[in-house]
C-alpha cells in the first residue's frame, strides 16, 4: 500500500542528496525576494519534514512557530521586507540518518495563506 499524502505534503520540495546524507548534515538555502513596495509586511511560513531550520532575513535571525507543513494557520510573527531585494537564508539540519530525505517549502503570505502580493522569489516557486 502506498501512503496517501495531503495536498500540503505534496508542496514540500525534496532537498537533493538529503536522502543519502548523515544525521546532522547542514544545508543552506539562499532565496532572493524582490519586494516592489517599501515596508511590505507578511508572514514567513516554512514547512519542513525530516529536519530543523533557522531562518535569517537580510542577515537577521527570525524566530517563529514552526509547523510540520506549510500554510499552517497558526499565527507566525510578521516580517517586513525592504523595497527592492531581500535575502532569506535557511540553515537546515537533517534530524536522523537513513534514507529519509529532508523536504521543505517556503512562502511569505497574507492572512489568507496566499503569496504576498507584489513579491517574487529567486529561484521561483515555493
PDB file of N, CA and C in Angstrom:
ATOM      1  N   UNK A   1       0.819  -1.184   0.000  1.00  0.00           N
ATOM      2  CA  UNK A   1       0.000   0.000   0.000  1.00  0.00           C
ATOM      3  C   UNK A   1       0.868   1.254   0.000  1.00  0.00           C
ATOM      4  N   UNK A   2       0.449   2.213  -0.765  1.00  0.00           N
ATOM      5  CA  UNK A   2       1.135   3.498  -0.813  1.00  0.00           C
ATOM      6  C   UNK A   2       0.385   4.461   0.093  1.00  0.00           C
ATOM      7  N   UNK A   3       1.131   5.130   0.968  1.00  0.00           N
ATOM      8  CA  UNK A   3       0.511   6.091   1.878  1.00  0.00           C
ATOM      9  C   UNK A   3       0.058   7.314   1.098  1.00  0.00           C
ATOM     10  N   UNK A   4      -1.176   7.739   1.339  1.00  0.00           N
ATOM     11  CA  UNK A   4      -1.701   8.933   0.678  1.00  0.00           C
ATOM     12  C   UNK A   4      -1.108  10.174   1.325  1.00  0.00           C
ATOM     13  N   UNK A   5      -0.779  11.133   0.502  1.00  0.00           N
ATOM     14  CA  UNK A   5      -0.242  12.385   1.008  1.00  0.00           C
ATOM     15  C   UNK A   5      -1.304  13.466   0.933  1.00  0.00           C
ATOM     16  N   UNK A   6      -1.244  14.380   1.868  1.00  0.00           N
ATOM     17  CA  UNK A   6      -2.142  15.514   1.833  1.00  0.00           C
ATOM     18  C   UNK A   6      -1.636  16.496   0.780  1.00  0.00           C
ATOM     19  N   UNK A   7      -2.481  17.432   0.420  1.00  0.00           N
ATOM     20  CA  UNK A   7      -2.099  18.475  -0.533  1.00  0.00           C
ATOM     21  C   UNK A   7      -0.886  19.239  -0.020  1.00  0.00           C
ATOM     22  N   UNK A   8      -0.880  19.533   1.282  1.00  0.00           N
ATOM     23  CA  UNK A   8       0.232  20.296   1.844  1.00  0.00           C
ATOM     24  C   UNK A   8       1.531  19.506   1.787  1.00  0.00           C
ATOM     25  N   UNK A   9       1.476  18.181   1.995  1.00  0.00           N
ATOM     26  CA  UNK A   9       2.688  17.373   1.903  1.00  0.00           C
ATOM     27  C   UNK A   9       3.256  17.382   0.490  1.00  0.00           C
ATOM     28  N   UNK A  10       2.388  17.467  -0.511  1.00  0.00           N
ATOM     29  CA  UNK A  10       2.835  17.481  -1.908  1.00  0.00           C
ATOM     30  C   UNK A  10       3.576  18.764  -2.259  1.00  0.00           C
ATOM     31  N   UNK A  11       3.383  19.812  -1.487  1.00  0.00           N
ATOM     32  CA  UNK A  11       4.042  21.089  -1.761  1.00  0.00           C
ATOM     33  C   UNK A  11       5.489  21.119  -1.279  1.00  0.00           C
ATOM     34  N   UNK A  12       5.881  20.153  -0.449  1.00  0.00           N
ATOM     35  CA  UNK A  12       7.237  20.142   0.088  1.00  0.00           C
ATOM     36  C   UNK A  12       8.227  19.711  -0.993  1.00  0.00           C
ATOM     37  N   UNK A  13       9.348  20.424  -1.093  1.00  0.00           N
ATOM     38  CA  UNK A  13      10.390  20.168  -2.075  1.00  0.00           C
ATOM     39  C   UNK A  13      11.515  19.359  -1.427  1.00  0.00           C
ATOM     40  N   UNK A  14      11.906  18.254  -2.042  1.00  0.00           N
ATOM     41  CA  UNK A  14      12.986  17.409  -1.514  1.00  0.00           C
ATOM     42  C   UNK A  14      14.332  18.077  -1.772  1.00  0.00           C
ATOM     43  N   UNK A  15      15.130  18.220  -0.712  1.00  0.00           N
ATOM     44  CA  UNK A  15      16.473  18.772  -0.870  1.00  0.00           C
ATOM     45  C   UNK A  15      17.353  17.684  -1.494  1.00  0.00           C
ATOM     46  N   UNK A  16      17.896  17.935  -2.694  1.00  0.00           N
ATOM     47  CA  UNK A  16      18.695  16.914  -3.383  1.00  0.00           C
ATOM     48  C   UNK A  16      19.849  16.403  -2.528  1.00  0.00           C
ATOM     49  N   UNK A  17      20.018  15.090  -2.486  1.00  0.00           N
ATOM     50  CA  UNK A  17      21.106  14.462  -1.744  1.00  0.00           C
ATOM     51  C   UNK A  17      20.827  14.247  -0.279  1.00  0.00           C
ATOM     52  N   UNK A  18      19.723  14.778   0.230  1.00  0.00           N
ATOM     53  CA  UNK A  18      19.443  14.656   1.661  1.00  0.00           C
ATOM     54  C   UNK A  18      19.047  13.233   2.049  1.00  0.00           C
ATOM     55  N   UNK A  19      18.605  12.431   1.079  1.00  0.00           N
ATOM     56  CA  UNK A  19      18.228  11.057   1.400  1.00  0.00           C
ATOM     57  C   UNK A  19      19.442  10.160   1.646  1.00  0.00           C
ATOM     58  N   UNK A  20      20.626  10.570   1.240  1.00  0.00           N
ATOM     59  CA  UNK A  20      21.835   9.768   1.464  1.00  0.00           C
ATOM     60  C   UNK A  20      22.781  10.411   2.484  1.00  0.00           C
ATOM     61  N   UNK A  21      22.395  11.535   3.030  1.00  0.00           N
ATOM     62  CA  UNK A  21      23.259  12.256   3.982  1.00  0.00           C
ATOM     63  C   UNK A  21      23.137  11.682   5.392  1.00  0.00           C
ATOM     64  N   UNK A  22      24.141  11.942   6.187  1.00  0.00           N
ATOM     65  CA  UNK A  22      24.146  11.527   7.588  1.00  0.00           C
ATOM     66  C   UNK A  22      23.296  12.477   8.430  1.00  0.00           C
ATOM     67  N   UNK A  23      22.945  12.016   9.620  1.00  0.00           N
ATOM     68  CA  UNK A  23      22.226  12.883  10.565  1.00  0.00           C
ATOM     69  C   UNK A  23      23.090  14.099  10.875  1.00  0.00           C
ATOM     70  N   UNK A  24      22.455  15.220  11.162  1.00  0.00           N
ATOM     71  CA  UNK A  24      23.092  16.490  11.500  1.00  0.00           C
ATOM     72  C   UNK A  24      23.819  17.143  10.328  1.00  0.00           C
ATOM     73  N   UNK A  25      23.576  16.672   9.092  1.00  0.00           N
ATOM     74  CA  UNK A  25      24.135  17.353   7.922  1.00  0.00           C
ATOM     75  C   UNK A  25      23.466  18.713   7.784  1.00  0.00           C
ATOM     76  N   UNK A  26      24.231  19.700   7.337  1.00  0.00           N
ATOM     77  CA  UNK A  26      23.702  21.061   7.172  1.00  0.00           C
ATOM     78  C   UNK A  26      23.532  21.410   5.705  1.00  0.00           C
ATOM     79  N   UNK A  27      22.480  22.142   5.408  1.00  0.00           N
ATOM     80  CA  UNK A  27      22.216  22.667   4.075  1.00  0.00           C
ATOM     81  C   UNK A  27      21.918  24.150   4.230  1.00  0.00           C
ATOM     82  N   UNK A  28      22.300  24.933   3.239  1.00  0.00           N
ATOM     83  CA  UNK A  28      21.994  26.360   3.250  1.00  0.00           C
ATOM     84  C   UNK A  28      21.214  26.686   1.988  1.00  0.00           C
ATOM     85  N   UNK A  29      20.015  27.204   2.165  1.00  0.00           N
ATOM     86  CA  UNK A  29      19.170  27.598   1.047  1.00  0.00           C
ATOM     87  C   UNK A  29      19.150  29.117   0.981  1.00  0.00           C
ATOM     88  N   UNK A  30      19.491  29.670  -0.171  1.00  0.00           N
ATOM     89  CA  UNK A  30      19.529  31.121  -0.370  1.00  0.00           C
ATOM     90  C   UNK A  30      18.395  31.506  -1.309  1.00  0.00           C
ATOM     91  N   UNK A  31      17.549  32.403  -0.866  1.00  0.00           N
ATOM     92  CA  UNK A  31      16.406  32.843  -1.665  1.00  0.00           C
ATOM     93  C   UNK A  31      16.420  34.365  -1.726  1.00  0.00           C
ATOM     94  N   UNK A  32      16.346  34.904  -2.931  1.00  0.00           N
ATOM     95  CA  UNK A  32      16.208  36.355  -3.095  1.00  0.00           C
ATOM     96  C   UNK A  32      14.721  36.655  -3.188  1.00  0.00           C
ATOM     97  N   UNK A  33      14.299  37.683  -2.475  1.00  0.00           N
ATOM     98  CA  UNK A  33      12.909  38.105  -2.509  1.00  0.00           C
ATOM     99  C   UNK A  33      12.891  39.537  -2.999  1.00  0.00           C
ATOM    100  N   UNK A  34      12.242  39.764  -4.103  1.00  0.00           N
ATOM    101  CA  UNK A  34      12.147  41.108  -4.651  1.00  0.00           C
ATOM    102  C   UNK A  34      10.807  41.707  -4.268  1.00  0.00           C
ATOM    103  N   UNK A  35      10.852  42.710  -3.396  1.00  0.00           N
ATOM    104  CA  UNK A  35       9.640  43.410  -2.981  1.00  0.00           C
ATOM    105  C   UNK A  35       9.500  44.699  -3.771  1.00  0.00           C
ATOM    106  N   UNK A  36       8.355  44.939  -4.284  1.00  0.00           N
ATOM    107  CA  UNK A  36       8.143  46.089  -5.136  1.00  0.00           C
ATOM    108  C   UNK A  36       7.859  47.365  -4.342  1.00  0.00           C
ATOM    109  N   UNK A  37       7.265  47.208  -3.154  1.00  0.00           N
ATOM    110  CA  UNK A  37       6.872  48.385  -2.383  1.00  0.00           C
ATOM    111  C   UNK A  37       7.673  48.462  -1.088  1.00  0.00           C
ATOM    112  N   UNK A  38       7.824  49.645  -0.578  1.00  0.00           N
ATOM    113  CA  UNK A  38       8.532  49.861   0.680  1.00  0.00           C
ATOM    114  C   UNK A  38       7.678  49.362   1.840  1.00  0.00           C
ATOM    115  N   UNK A  39       8.297  48.644   2.776  1.00  0.00           N
ATOM    116  CA  UNK A  39       7.621  48.232   4.000  1.00  0.00           C
ATOM    117  C   UNK A  39       6.541  47.190   3.813  1.00  0.00           C
ATOM    118  N   UNK A  40       6.683  46.317   2.828  1.00  0.00           N
ATOM    119  CA  UNK A  40       5.724  45.242   2.607  1.00  0.00           C
ATOM    120  C   UNK A  40       5.797  44.279   3.785  1.00  0.00           C
ATOM    121  N   UNK A  41       4.655  43.895   4.356  1.00  0.00           N
ATOM    122  CA  UNK A  41       4.618  43.063   5.558  1.00  0.00           C
ATOM    123  C   UNK A  41       3.849  41.781   5.267  1.00  0.00           C
ATOM    124  N   UNK A  42       4.377  40.640   5.729  1.00  0.00           N
ATOM    125  CA  UNK A  42       3.712  39.351   5.567  1.00  0.00           C
ATOM    126  C   UNK A  42       4.230  38.346   6.569  1.00  0.00           C
ATOM    127  N   UNK A  43       3.669  37.144   6.538  1.00  0.00           N
ATOM    128  CA  UNK A  43       4.101  36.068   7.429  1.00  0.00           C
ATOM    129  C   UNK A  43       5.039  35.131   6.683  1.00  0.00           C
ATOM    130  N   UNK A  44       6.200  34.874   7.277  1.00  0.00           N
ATOM    131  CA  UNK A  44       7.136  33.904   6.728  1.00  0.00           C
ATOM    132  C   UNK A  44       6.693  32.538   7.221  1.00  0.00           C
ATOM    133  N   UNK A  45       6.275  31.673   6.293  1.00  0.00           N
ATOM    134  CA  UNK A  45       5.831  30.323   6.645  1.00  0.00           C
ATOM    135  C   UNK A  45       6.802  29.321   6.042  1.00  0.00           C
ATOM    136  N   UNK A  46       7.276  28.399   6.867  1.00  0.00           N
ATOM    137  CA  UNK A  46       8.198  27.364   6.417  1.00  0.00           C
ATOM    138  C   UNK A  46       7.639  26.029   6.853  1.00  0.00           C
ATOM    139  N   UNK A  47       7.466  25.122   5.903  1.00  0.00           N
ATOM    140  CA  UNK A  47       7.075  23.751   6.205  1.00  0.00           C
ATOM    141  C   UNK A  47       8.284  22.868   6.024  1.00  0.00           C
ATOM    142  N   UNK A  48       8.493  21.910   6.930  1.00  0.00           N
ATOM    143  CA  UNK A  48       9.681  21.059   6.844  1.00  0.00           C
ATOM    144  C   UNK A  48       9.367  19.671   7.380  1.00  0.00           C
ATOM    145  N   UNK A  49       9.953  18.666   6.749  1.00  0.00           N
ATOM    146  CA  UNK A  49       9.893  17.283   7.224  1.00  0.00           C
ATOM    147  C   UNK A  49      11.312  16.739   7.246  1.00  0.00           C
ATOM    148  N   UNK A  50      11.668  16.053   8.317  1.00  0.00           N
ATOM    149  CA  UNK A  50      12.971  15.399   8.401  1.00  0.00           C
ATOM    150  C   UNK A  50      14.111  16.285   8.852  1.00  0.00           C
ATOM    151  N   UNK A  51      13.808  17.495   9.298  1.00  0.00           N
ATOM    152  CA  UNK A  51      14.880  18.389   9.715  1.00  0.00           C
ATOM    153  C   UNK A  51      14.375  19.554  10.531  1.00  0.00           C
ATOM    154  N   UNK A  52      15.304  20.377  10.945  1.00  0.00           N
ATOM    155  CA  UNK A  52      15.016  21.623  11.652  1.00  0.00           C
ATOM    156  C   UNK A  52      15.682  22.752  10.867  1.00  0.00           C
ATOM    157  N   UNK A  53      15.238  23.974  11.099  1.00  0.00           N
ATOM    158  CA  UNK A  53      15.820  25.084  10.363  1.00  0.00           C
ATOM    159  C   UNK A  53      15.932  26.323  11.226  1.00  0.00           C
ATOM    160  N   UNK A  54      16.813  27.216  10.793  1.00  0.00           N
ATOM    161  CA  UNK A  54      16.922  28.558  11.337  1.00  0.00           C
ATOM    162  C   UNK A  54      16.840  29.499  10.140  1.00  0.00           C
ATOM    163  N   UNK A  55      16.037  30.546  10.261  1.00  0.00           N
ATOM    164  CA  UNK A  55      15.841  31.486   9.150  1.00  0.00           C
ATOM    165  C   UNK A  55      16.524  32.816   9.458  1.00  0.00           C
ATOM    166  N   UNK A  56      17.143  33.389   8.430  1.00  0.00           N
ATOM    167  CA  UNK A  56      17.781  34.704   8.513  1.00  0.00           C
ATOM    168  C   UNK A  56      17.260  35.563   7.369  1.00  0.00           C
ATOM    169  N   UNK A  57      16.621  36.678   7.693  1.00  0.00           N
ATOM    170  CA  UNK A  57      16.137  37.605   6.676  1.00  0.00           C
ATOM    171  C   UNK A  57      17.014  38.839   6.716  1.00  0.00           C
ATOM    172  N   UNK A  58      17.643  39.126   5.590  1.00  0.00           N
ATOM    173  CA  UNK A  58      18.555  40.274   5.479  1.00  0.00           C
ATOM    174  C   UNK A  58      19.587  40.276   6.608  1.00  0.00           C
ATOM    175  N   UNK A  59      20.103  39.085   6.924  1.00  0.00           N
ATOM    176  CA  UNK A  59      21.159  38.941   7.919  1.00  0.00           C
ATOM    177  C   UNK A  59      20.697  38.870   9.362  1.00  0.00           C
ATOM    178  N   UNK A  60      19.404  38.999   9.608  1.00  0.00           N
ATOM    179  CA  UNK A  60      18.890  38.943  10.979  1.00  0.00           C
ATOM    180  C   UNK A  60      18.113  37.658  11.213  1.00  0.00           C
ATOM    181  N   UNK A  61      18.418  37.011  12.320  1.00  0.00           N
ATOM    182  CA  UNK A  61      17.752  35.758  12.665  1.00  0.00           C
ATOM    183  C   UNK A  61      16.278  36.011  12.958  1.00  0.00           C
ATOM    184  N   UNK A  62      15.428  35.150  12.400  1.00  0.00           N
ATOM    185  CA  UNK A  62      13.984  35.248  12.619  1.00  0.00           C
ATOM    186  C   UNK A  62      13.527  33.988  13.347  1.00  0.00           C
ATOM    187  N   UNK A  63      12.781  34.175  14.418  1.00  0.00           N
ATOM    188  CA  UNK A  63      12.239  33.021  15.134  1.00  0.00           C
ATOM    189  C   UNK A  63      10.723  33.098  15.086  1.00  0.00           C
ATOM    190  N   UNK A  64      10.093  31.960  14.937  1.00  0.00           N
ATOM    191  CA  UNK A  64       8.648  31.911  14.840  1.00  0.00           C
ATOM    192  C   UNK A  64       8.194  30.478  15.067  1.00  0.00           C
ATOM    193  N   UNK A  65       6.909  30.297  15.221  1.00  0.00           N
ATOM    194  CA  UNK A  65       6.351  28.964  15.408  1.00  0.00           C
ATOM    195  C   UNK A  65       6.571  28.150  14.144  1.00  0.00           C
ATOM    196  N   UNK A  66       7.019  26.909  14.301  1.00  0.00           N
ATOM    197  CA  UNK A  66       7.194  26.052  13.139  1.00  0.00           C
ATOM    198  C   UNK A  66       6.051  25.059  13.084  1.00  0.00           C
ATOM    199  N   UNK A  67       5.803  24.579  11.913  1.00  0.00           N
ATOM    200  CA  UNK A  67       4.734  23.615  11.678  1.00  0.00           C
ATOM    201  C   UNK A  67       5.294  22.508  10.806  1.00  0.00           C
ATOM    202  N   UNK A  68       4.687  21.360  10.883  1.00  0.00           N
ATOM    203  CA  UNK A  68       5.138  20.256  10.035  1.00  0.00           C
ATOM    204  C   UNK A  68       4.845  20.534   8.564  1.00  0.00           C
ATOM    205  N   UNK A  69       3.906  21.410   8.289  1.00  0.00           N
ATOM    206  CA  UNK A  69       3.502  21.661   6.913  1.00  0.00           C
ATOM    207  C   UNK A  69       3.402  23.155   6.650  1.00  0.00           C
ATOM    208  N   UNK A  70       3.541  23.556   5.364  1.00  0.00           N
ATOM    209  CA  UNK A  70       3.399  24.971   5.052  1.00  0.00           C
ATOM    210  C   UNK A  70       1.945  25.420   5.152  1.00  0.00           C
ATOM    211  N   UNK A  71       1.752  26.684   5.203  1.00  0.00           N
ATOM    212  CA  UNK A  71       0.436  27.314   5.191  1.00  0.00           C
ATOM    213  C   UNK A  71      -0.382  26.954   6.419  1.00  0.00           C
ATOM    214  N   UNK A  72       0.267  26.677   7.523  1.00  0.00           N
ATOM    215  CA  UNK A  72      -0.435  26.414   8.777  1.00  0.00           C
ATOM    216  C   UNK A  72      -1.053  27.728   9.227  1.00  0.00           C
ATOM    217  N   UNK A  73      -2.341  27.710   9.591  1.00  0.00           N
ATOM    218  CA  UNK A  73      -2.957  28.959  10.011  1.00  0.00           C
ATOM    219  C   UNK A  73      -2.500  29.462  11.372  1.00  0.00           C
ATOM    220  N   UNK A  74      -1.659  28.675  12.069  1.00  0.00           N
ATOM    221  CA  UNK A  74      -1.129  29.131  13.348  1.00  0.00           C
ATOM    222  C   UNK A  74      -0.376  30.435  13.128  1.00  0.00           C
ATOM    223  N   UNK A  75      -0.683  31.448  13.906  1.00  0.00           N
ATOM    224  CA  UNK A  75      -0.034  32.740  13.677  1.00  0.00           C
ATOM    225  C   UNK A  75       1.490  32.669  13.811  1.00  0.00           C
ATOM    226  N   UNK A  76       2.178  33.270  12.878  1.00  0.00           N
ATOM    227  CA  UNK A  76       3.623  33.438  12.921  1.00  0.00           C
ATOM    228  C   UNK A  76       3.892  34.933  12.944  1.00  0.00           C
ATOM    229  N   UNK A  77       4.984  35.348  13.572  1.00  0.00           N
ATOM    230  CA  UNK A  77       5.287  36.770  13.574  1.00  0.00           C
ATOM    231  C   UNK A  77       5.412  37.315  12.143  1.00  0.00           C
ATOM    232  N   UNK A  78       5.073  38.552  11.982  1.00  0.00           N
ATOM    233  CA  UNK A  78       5.156  39.182  10.672  1.00  0.00           C
ATOM    234  C   UNK A  78       6.570  39.677  10.424  1.00  0.00           C
ATOM    235  N   UNK A  79       6.951  39.708   9.158  1.00  0.00           N
ATOM    236  CA  UNK A  79       8.247  40.231   8.749  1.00  0.00           C
ATOM    237  C   UNK A  79       8.005  41.419   7.830  1.00  0.00           C
ATOM    238  N   UNK A  80       8.933  42.336   7.808  1.00  0.00           N
ATOM    239  CA  UNK A  80       8.844  43.496   6.935  1.00  0.00           C
ATOM    240  C   UNK A  80       9.954  43.402   5.899  1.00  0.00           C
ATOM    241  N   UNK A  81       9.566  43.479   4.636  1.00  0.00           N
ATOM    242  CA  UNK A  81      10.522  43.456   3.537  1.00  0.00           C
ATOM    243  C   UNK A  81      10.888  44.889   3.166  1.00  0.00           C
ATOM    244  N   UNK A  82      12.159  45.090   2.857  1.00  0.00           N
ATOM    245  CA  UNK A  82      12.575  46.406   2.397  1.00  0.00           C
ATOM    246  C   UNK A  82      12.291  46.511   0.902  1.00  0.00           C
ATOM    247  N   UNK A  83      12.198  47.732   0.398  1.00  0.00           N
ATOM    248  CA  UNK A  83      11.962  47.921  -1.027  1.00  0.00           C
ATOM    249  C   UNK A  83      13.158  47.382  -1.798  1.00  0.00           C
ATOM    250  N   UNK A  84      12.897  46.644  -2.863  1.00  0.00           N
ATOM    251  CA  UNK A  84      13.970  46.071  -3.666  1.00  0.00           C
ATOM    252  C   UNK A  84      14.282  44.651  -3.232  1.00  0.00           C
ATOM    253  N   UNK A  85      15.564  44.313  -3.221  1.00  0.00           N
ATOM    254  CA  UNK A  85      15.970  42.930  -2.974  1.00  0.00           C
ATOM    255  C   UNK A  85      16.154  42.634  -1.483  1.00  0.00           C
ATOM    256  N   UNK A  86      15.592  41.505  -1.042  1.00  0.00           N
ATOM    257  CA  UNK A  86      15.761  40.986   0.313  1.00  0.00           C
ATOM    258  C   UNK A  86      16.373  39.592   0.186  1.00  0.00           C
ATOM    259  N   UNK A  87      17.142  39.196   1.179  1.00  0.00           N
ATOM    260  CA  UNK A  87      17.774  37.881   1.148  1.00  0.00           C
ATOM    261  C   UNK A  87      17.289  37.045   2.322  1.00  0.00           C
ATOM    262  N   UNK A  88      16.804  35.852   2.006  1.00  0.00           N
ATOM    263  CA  UNK A  88      16.385  34.886   3.018  1.00  0.00           C
ATOM    264  C   UNK A  88      17.340  33.704   2.956  1.00  0.00           C
ATOM    265  N   UNK A  89      17.958  33.386   4.085  1.00  0.00           N
ATOM    266  CA  UNK A  89      18.850  32.236   4.181  1.00  0.00           C
ATOM    267  C   UNK A  89      18.241  31.273   5.189  1.00  0.00           C
ATOM    268  N   UNK A  90      18.092  30.018   4.779  1.00  0.00           N
ATOM    269  CA  UNK A  90      17.617  28.971   5.683  1.00  0.00           C
ATOM    270  C   UNK A  90      18.755  28.009   5.950  1.00  0.00           C
ATOM    271  N   UNK A  91      19.089  27.848   7.218  1.00  0.00           N
ATOM    272  CA  UNK A  91      20.069  26.858   7.635  1.00  0.00           C
ATOM    273  C   UNK A  91      19.267  25.629   8.068  1.00  0.00           C
ATOM    274  N   UNK A  92      19.384  24.547   7.302  1.00  0.00           N
ATOM    275  CA  UNK A  92      18.587  23.345   7.531  1.00  0.00           C
ATOM    276  C   UNK A  92      19.492  22.237   8.043  1.00  0.00           C
ATOM    277  N   UNK A  93      19.058  21.562   9.105  1.00  0.00           N
ATOM    278  CA  UNK A  93      19.828  20.464   9.683  1.00  0.00           C
ATOM    279  C   UNK A  93      18.988  19.190   9.616  1.00  0.00           C
ATOM    280  N   UNK A  94      19.558  18.125   9.027  1.00  0.00           N
ATOM    281  CA  UNK A  94      18.868  16.838   8.931  1.00  0.00           C
ATOM    282  C   UNK A  94      18.809  16.214  10.322  1.00  0.00           C
ATOM    283  N   UNK A  95      17.628  15.692  10.685  1.00  0.00           N
ATOM    284  CA  UNK A  95      17.432  15.140  12.028  1.00  0.00           C
ATOM    285  C   UNK A  95      18.023  13.759  12.242  1.00  0.00           C
ATOM    286  N   UNK A  96      17.868  12.872  11.273  1.00  0.00           N
ATOM    287  CA  UNK A  96      18.266  11.482  11.527  1.00  0.00           C
ATOM    288  C   UNK A  96      18.948  10.873  10.308  1.00  0.00           C
ATOM    289  N   UNK A  97      19.705   9.795  10.570  1.00  0.00           N
ATOM    290  CA  UNK A  97      20.359   9.073   9.490  1.00  0.00           C
ATOM    291  C   UNK A  97      19.315   8.229   8.765  1.00  0.00           C
ATOM    292  N   UNK A  98      19.699   7.641   7.655  1.00  0.00           N
ATOM    293  CA  UNK A  98      18.772   6.809   6.905  1.00  0.00           C
ATOM    294  C   UNK A  98      18.423   7.451   5.585  1.00  0.00           C
ATOM    295  N   UNK A  99      17.526   6.788   4.865  1.00  0.00           N
ATOM    296  CA  UNK A  99      17.224   7.259   3.519  1.00  0.00           C
ATOM    297  C   UNK A  99      16.011   8.190   3.446  1.00  0.00           C
ATOM    298  N   UNK A 100      15.598   8.752   4.582  1.00  0.00           N
ATOM    299  CA  UNK A 100      14.524   9.732   4.575  1.00  0.00           C
ATOM    300  C   UNK A 100      15.082  11.079   4.125  1.00  0.00           C
ATOM    301  N   UNK A 101      14.523  11.677   3.067  1.00  0.00           N
ATOM    302  CA  UNK A 101      15.014  12.987   2.637  1.00  0.00           C
ATOM    303  C   UNK A 101      14.476  14.099   3.528  1.00  0.00           C
ATOM    304  N   UNK A 102      15.119  15.250   3.451  1.00  0.00           N
ATOM    305  CA  UNK A 102      14.598  16.453   4.091  1.00  0.00           C
ATOM    306  C   UNK A 102      13.760  17.161   3.029  1.00  0.00           C
ATOM    307  N   UNK A 103      12.529  17.529   3.401  1.00  0.00           N
ATOM    308  CA  UNK A 103      11.637  18.228   2.476  1.00  0.00           C
ATOM    309  C   UNK A 103      11.254  19.562   3.096  1.00  0.00           C
ATOM    310  N   UNK A 104      11.131  20.580   2.240  1.00  0.00           N
ATOM    311  CA  UNK A 104      10.883  21.923   2.749  1.00  0.00           C
ATOM    312  C   UNK A 104      10.057  22.738   1.746  1.00  0.00           C
ATOM    313  N   UNK A 105       9.298  23.677   2.250  1.00  0.00           N
ATOM    314  CA  UNK A 105       8.586  24.662   1.428  1.00  0.00           C
ATOM    315  C   UNK A 105       8.624  25.992   2.165  1.00  0.00           C
ATOM    316  N   UNK A 106       8.723  27.079   1.414  1.00  0.00           N
ATOM    317  CA  UNK A 106       8.818  28.415   1.999  1.00  0.00           C
ATOM    318  C   UNK A 106       7.850  29.334   1.269  1.00  0.00           C
ATOM    319  N   UNK A 107       7.185  30.181   2.019  1.00  0.00           N
ATOM    320  CA  UNK A 107       6.327  31.172   1.403  1.00  0.00           C
ATOM    321  C   UNK A 107       6.220  32.380   2.325  1.00  0.00           C
ATOM    322  N   UNK A 108       5.874  33.504   1.769  1.00  0.00           N
ATOM    323  CA  UNK A 108       5.563  34.706   2.549  1.00  0.00           C
ATOM    324  C   UNK A 108       4.141  35.065   2.175  1.00  0.00           C
ATOM    325  N   UNK A 109       3.271  35.038   3.182  1.00  0.00           N
ATOM    326  CA  UNK A 109       1.834  35.075   2.915  1.00  0.00           C
ATOM    327  C   UNK A 109       1.124  36.218   3.614  1.00  0.00           C
ATOM    328  N   UNK A 110      -0.091  36.459   3.121  1.00  0.00           N
ATOM    329  CA  UNK A 110      -1.001  37.379   3.795  1.00  0.00           C
ATOM    330  C   UNK A 110      -1.824  36.556   4.800  1.00  0.00           C
ATOM    331  N   UNK A 111      -2.856  37.146   5.377  1.00  0.00           N
ATOM    332  CA  UNK A 111      -3.675  36.454   6.380  1.00  0.00           C
ATOM    333  C   UNK A 111      -4.358  35.200   5.847  1.00  0.00           C
ATOM    334  N   UNK A 112      -4.620  35.157   4.536  1.00  0.00           N
ATOM    335  CA  UNK A 112      -5.340  34.020   3.954  1.00  0.00           C
ATOM    336  C   UNK A 112      -4.428  32.877   3.538  1.00  0.00           C
ATOM    337  N   UNK A 113      -3.126  33.027   3.677  1.00  0.00           N
ATOM    338  CA  UNK A 113      -2.198  31.979   3.262  1.00  0.00           C
ATOM    339  C   UNK A 113      -1.803  32.076   1.798  1.00  0.00           C
ATOM    340  N   UNK A 114      -2.177  33.172   1.129  1.00  0.00           N
ATOM    341  CA  UNK A 114      -1.795  33.388  -0.265  1.00  0.00           C
ATOM    342  C   UNK A 114      -0.453  34.104  -0.320  1.00  0.00           C
ATOM    343  N   UNK A 115       0.315  33.836  -1.387  1.00  0.00           N
ATOM    344  CA  UNK A 115       1.591  34.537  -1.578  1.00  0.00           C
ATOM    345  C   UNK A 115       1.344  36.033  -1.486  1.00  0.00           C
ATOM    346  N   UNK A 116       2.178  36.715  -0.723  1.00  0.00           N
ATOM    347  CA  UNK A 116       2.070  38.152  -0.549  1.00  0.00           C
ATOM    348  C   UNK A 116       2.135  38.829  -1.916  1.00  0.00           C
ATOM    349  N   UNK A 117       1.180  39.669  -2.184  1.00  0.00           N
ATOM    350  CA  UNK A 117       1.091  40.343  -3.471  1.00  0.00           C
ATOM    351  C   UNK A 117       2.271  41.293  -3.648  1.00  0.00           C
ATOM    352  N   UNK A 118       2.898  41.250  -4.809  1.00  0.00           N
ATOM    353  CA  UNK A 118       3.955  42.199  -5.117  1.00  0.00           C
ATOM    354  C   UNK A 118       5.356  41.709  -4.834  1.00  0.00           C
ATOM    355  N   UNK A 119       5.551  40.395  -4.567  1.00  0.00           N
ATOM    356  CA  UNK A 119       6.911  39.872  -4.364  1.00  0.00           C
ATOM    357  C   UNK A 119       7.179  38.737  -5.346  1.00  0.00           C
ATOM    358  N   UNK A 120       8.462  38.524  -5.610  1.00  0.00           N
ATOM    359  CA  UNK A 120       8.901  37.408  -6.450  1.00  0.00           C
ATOM    360  C   UNK A 120      10.072  36.725  -5.754  1.00  0.00           C
ATOM    361  N   UNK A 121      10.095  35.389  -5.823  1.00  0.00           N
ATOM    362  CA  UNK A 121      11.209  34.608  -5.282  1.00  0.00           C
ATOM    363  C   UNK A 121      12.184  34.272  -6.405  1.00  0.00           C
ATOM    364  N   UNK A 122      13.477  34.243  -6.076  1.00  0.00           N
ATOM    365  CA  UNK A 122      14.507  33.727  -6.960  1.00  0.00           C
ATOM    366  C   UNK A 122      15.325  32.727  -6.167  1.00  0.00           C
ATOM    367  N   UNK A 123      15.376  31.444  -6.517  1.00  0.00           N
ATOM    368  CA  UNK A 123      14.679  30.846  -7.641  1.00  0.00           C
ATOM    369  C   UNK A 123      13.167  30.889  -7.429  1.00  0.00           C
ATOM    370  N   UNK A 124      12.435  30.840  -8.542  1.00  0.00           N
ATOM    371  CA  UNK A 124      10.976  30.956  -8.466  1.00  0.00           C
ATOM    372  C   UNK A 124      10.367  29.701  -7.844  1.00  0.00           C
ATOM    373  N   UNK A 125       9.119  29.785  -7.470  1.00  0.00           N
ATOM    374  CA  UNK A 125       8.441  28.661  -6.845  1.00  0.00           C
ATOM    375  C   UNK A 125       8.326  28.895  -5.348  1.00  0.00           C
ATOM    376  N   UNK A 126       8.171  27.790  -4.653  1.00  0.00           N
ATOM    377  CA  UNK A 126       7.990  27.878  -3.196  1.00  0.00           C
ATOM    378  C   UNK A 126       8.924  26.886  -2.539  1.00  0.00           C
TER     379      UNK A 126
END
